[in-house]
Amino acid sequence: MHCLECRLARTTSTAVAVCRGCGAAVCADRARTATAPVRRGPVLGPPAEAAVRQVLCPTCAAAKASGAGAAS
């Protein structure tokens, strides 16, 4: 699979991840990482919250940074 962003720039690069926000394939140079809170725990009782890593494409990373909320 090839990176979508590289393909749009008319180059070819092997993808290493899939964007959590939009599902586009991204290469190592264009992949951005962010953390997101995840709540887990028992159904009845106080949930625990943990930070997990997510991989984003440059477009979704910019939207998340601006607060647009495109990436979940």
N, C-alpha and C. Protein backbone atom coordinates (compact mmCIF):
# COMPACT_ATOMS: atom_id res chain seq x y z
N MET A 1 0.85 -1.16 0.00
CA MET A 1 0.00 0.00 0.00
C MET A 1 0.90 1.23 0.00
N HIS A 2 0.45 2.29 -0.67
CA HIS A 2 1.23 3.52 -0.78
C HIS A 2 0.54 4.65 -0.01
N CYS A 3 1.34 5.61 0.41
CA CYS A 3 0.86 6.77 1.15
C CYS A 3 -0.02 7.65 0.25
N LEU A 4 -1.19 8.00 0.73
CA LEU A 4 -2.10 8.84 -0.04
C LEU A 4 -1.54 10.24 -0.24
N GLU A 5 -0.97 10.83 0.80
CA GLU A 5 -0.42 12.18 0.70
C GLU A 5 0.72 12.24 -0.33
N CYS A 6 1.58 11.22 -0.33
CA CYS A 6 2.67 11.17 -1.32
C CYS A 6 2.10 11.01 -2.72
N ARG A 7 1.09 10.20 -2.86
CA ARG A 7 0.47 9.99 -4.17
C ARG A 7 -0.12 11.30 -4.70
N LEU A 8 -0.74 12.09 -3.83
CA LEU A 8 -1.29 13.38 -4.24
C LEU A 8 -0.18 14.35 -4.64
N ALA A 9 1.01 14.16 -4.07
CA ALA A 9 2.16 15.00 -4.41
C ALA A 9 2.94 14.42 -5.59
N ARG A 10 2.38 13.38 -6.22
CA ARG A 10 2.97 12.73 -7.39
C ARG A 10 4.30 12.03 -7.09
N THR A 11 4.43 11.49 -5.88
CA THR A 11 5.57 10.65 -5.53
C THR A 11 5.02 9.33 -4.99
N THR A 12 5.89 8.38 -4.73
CA THR A 12 5.47 7.10 -4.20
C THR A 12 6.26 6.79 -2.95
N SER A 13 5.55 6.41 -1.92
CA SER A 13 6.18 6.03 -0.66
C SER A 13 5.34 4.95 -0.02
N THR A 14 5.99 3.98 0.59
CA THR A 14 5.28 2.87 1.22
C THR A 14 4.60 3.35 2.51
N ALA A 15 3.36 2.99 2.68
CA ALA A 15 2.61 3.34 3.89
C ALA A 15 3.05 2.48 5.06
N VAL A 16 3.07 3.08 6.24
CA VAL A 16 3.41 2.35 7.46
C VAL A 16 2.27 2.33 8.47
N ALA A 17 1.23 3.13 8.21
CA ALA A 17 0.11 3.22 9.15
C ALA A 17 -1.14 3.69 8.42
N VAL A 18 -2.25 3.61 9.12
CA VAL A 18 -3.54 4.09 8.62
C VAL A 18 -4.03 5.17 9.58
N CYS A 19 -4.46 6.30 9.03
CA CYS A 19 -4.94 7.42 9.84
C CYS A 19 -6.17 7.02 10.65
N ARG A 20 -6.16 7.33 11.92
CA ARG A 20 -7.28 7.03 12.81
C ARG A 20 -8.49 7.90 12.48
N GLY A 21 -8.25 9.08 11.93
CA GLY A 21 -9.34 10.00 11.64
C GLY A 21 -10.08 9.71 10.36
N CYS A 22 -9.34 9.46 9.26
CA CYS A 22 -10.00 9.32 7.96
C CYS A 22 -9.72 7.99 7.25
N GLY A 23 -8.78 7.21 7.76
CA GLY A 23 -8.50 5.92 7.16
C GLY A 23 -7.51 5.94 6.01
N ALA A 24 -6.89 7.09 5.74
CA ALA A 24 -5.91 7.18 4.66
C ALA A 24 -4.60 6.51 5.08
N ALA A 25 -3.93 5.87 4.12
CA ALA A 25 -2.62 5.28 4.39
C ALA A 25 -1.59 6.40 4.44
N VAL A 26 -0.65 6.33 5.39
CA VAL A 26 0.38 7.35 5.52
C VAL A 26 1.76 6.71 5.67
N CYS A 27 2.77 7.41 5.12
CA CYS A 27 4.15 6.93 5.22
C CYS A 27 4.76 7.43 6.53
N ALA A 28 5.96 6.97 6.82
CA ALA A 28 6.63 7.35 8.06
C ALA A 28 6.92 8.85 8.12
N ASP A 29 7.21 9.48 6.98
CA ASP A 29 7.50 10.91 6.96
C ASP A 29 6.27 11.77 7.24
N ARG A 30 5.12 11.32 6.84
CA ARG A 30 3.90 12.12 6.99
C ARG A 30 3.03 11.73 8.18
N ALA A 31 3.30 10.60 8.78
CA ALA A 31 2.50 10.15 9.92
C ALA A 31 2.73 11.06 11.12
N ARG A 32 1.67 11.41 11.79
CA ARG A 32 1.73 12.22 13.00
C ARG A 32 1.12 11.40 14.13
N THR A 33 1.69 11.51 15.31
CA THR A 33 1.11 10.79 16.45
C THR A 33 0.53 11.79 17.43
N ALA A 34 -0.51 11.38 18.08
CA ALA A 34 -1.17 12.19 19.09
C ALA A 34 -1.69 11.24 20.16
N THR A 35 -2.08 11.80 21.27
CA THR A 35 -2.70 10.98 22.32
C THR A 35 -4.16 11.35 22.44
N ALA A 36 -4.93 10.39 22.84
CA ALA A 36 -6.36 10.61 23.04
C ALA A 36 -6.78 9.87 24.31
N PRO A 37 -7.66 10.46 25.09
CA PRO A 37 -8.12 9.78 26.30
C PRO A 37 -9.12 8.67 25.96
N VAL A 38 -9.00 7.56 26.67
CA VAL A 38 -9.92 6.44 26.52
C VAL A 38 -10.43 6.09 27.90
N ARG A 39 -11.74 5.98 28.01
CA ARG A 39 -12.34 5.60 29.29
C ARG A 39 -12.64 4.12 29.26
N ARG A 40 -12.26 3.45 30.32
CA ARG A 40 -12.57 2.03 30.42
C ARG A 40 -12.78 1.67 31.88
N GLY A 41 -13.41 0.56 32.07
CA GLY A 41 -13.68 0.12 33.43
C GLY A 41 -14.99 -0.63 33.50
N PRO A 42 -15.46 -0.86 34.70
CA PRO A 42 -16.70 -1.61 34.86
C PRO A 42 -17.91 -0.80 34.40
N VAL A 43 -18.96 -1.50 34.02
CA VAL A 43 -20.18 -0.82 33.60
C VAL A 43 -20.78 -0.05 34.76
N LEU A 44 -20.79 -0.65 35.90
CA LEU A 44 -21.27 0.02 37.11
C LEU A 44 -20.07 0.36 37.97
N GLY A 45 -19.82 1.61 38.14
CA GLY A 45 -18.68 2.04 38.93
C GLY A 45 -17.91 3.12 38.21
N PRO A 46 -16.93 3.68 38.87
CA PRO A 46 -16.18 4.77 38.26
C PRO A 46 -15.25 4.26 37.16
N PRO A 47 -15.28 4.91 36.00
CA PRO A 47 -14.38 4.48 34.91
C PRO A 47 -12.97 4.99 35.14
N ALA A 48 -12.03 4.30 34.58
CA ALA A 48 -10.64 4.73 34.60
C ALA A 48 -10.34 5.35 33.24
N GLU A 49 -9.48 6.35 33.24
CA GLU A 49 -9.12 7.01 31.98
C GLU A 49 -7.64 6.79 31.71
N ALA A 50 -7.33 6.46 30.48
CA ALA A 50 -5.95 6.25 30.07
C ALA A 50 -5.70 6.98 28.76
N ALA A 51 -4.45 7.38 28.54
CA ALA A 51 -4.08 8.03 27.29
C ALA A 51 -3.53 6.97 26.33
N VAL A 52 -4.03 6.97 25.11
CA VAL A 52 -3.56 6.02 24.10
C VAL A 52 -2.99 6.79 22.92
N ARG A 53 -2.09 6.14 22.21
CA ARG A 53 -1.48 6.76 21.04
C ARG A 53 -2.34 6.48 19.82
N GLN A 54 -2.43 7.48 18.94
CA GLN A 54 -3.13 7.31 17.67
C GLN A 54 -2.28 7.93 16.56
N VAL A 55 -2.36 7.34 15.37
CA VAL A 55 -1.63 7.84 14.21
C VAL A 55 -2.61 8.62 13.34
N LEU A 56 -2.18 9.80 12.89
CA LEU A 56 -3.02 10.67 12.07
C LEU A 56 -2.27 11.10 10.82
N CYS A 57 -3.01 11.38 9.76
CA CYS A 57 -2.42 11.98 8.56
C CYS A 57 -2.24 13.47 8.85
N PRO A 58 -1.46 14.18 8.04
CA PRO A 58 -1.26 15.61 8.29
C PRO A 58 -2.56 16.43 8.32
N THR A 59 -3.52 16.08 7.49
CA THR A 59 -4.79 16.82 7.45
C THR A 59 -5.56 16.65 8.75
N CYS A 60 -5.69 15.43 9.22
CA CYS A 60 -6.43 15.16 10.46
C CYS A 60 -5.67 15.69 11.68
N ALA A 61 -4.33 15.65 11.64
CA ALA A 61 -3.54 16.19 12.74
C ALA A 61 -3.73 17.70 12.84
N ALA A 62 -3.78 18.38 11.70
CA ALA A 62 -4.01 19.84 11.71
C ALA A 62 -5.41 20.16 12.21
N ALA A 63 -6.40 19.36 11.82
CA ALA A 63 -7.76 19.58 12.29
C ALA A 63 -7.86 19.36 13.79
N LYS A 64 -7.19 18.35 14.29
CA LYS A 64 -7.21 18.09 15.73
C LYS A 64 -6.53 19.21 16.48
N ALA A 65 -5.40 19.72 15.96
CA ALA A 65 -4.67 20.79 16.61
C ALA A 65 -5.47 22.09 16.64
N SER A 66 -6.28 22.31 15.61
CA SER A 66 -7.08 23.53 15.55
C SER A 66 -8.39 23.41 16.33
N GLY A 67 -8.66 22.21 16.81
CA GLY A 67 -9.88 22.01 17.58
C GLY A 67 -11.10 21.70 16.73
N ALA A 68 -10.90 21.43 15.45
CA ALA A 68 -12.02 21.15 14.56
C ALA A 68 -12.66 19.80 14.87
N GLY A 69 -11.92 18.89 15.47
CA GLY A 69 -12.48 17.61 15.87
C GLY A 69 -12.69 16.62 14.73
N ALA A 70 -11.96 16.76 13.63
CA ALA A 70 -12.12 15.83 12.51
C ALA A 70 -11.62 14.44 12.87
N ALA A 71 -10.58 14.37 13.70
CA ALA A 71 -10.04 13.06 14.10
C ALA A 71 -10.58 12.71 15.48
N SER A 72 -11.05 11.50 15.64
CA SER A 72 -11.58 11.10 16.94
C SER A 72 -10.56 10.34 17.71
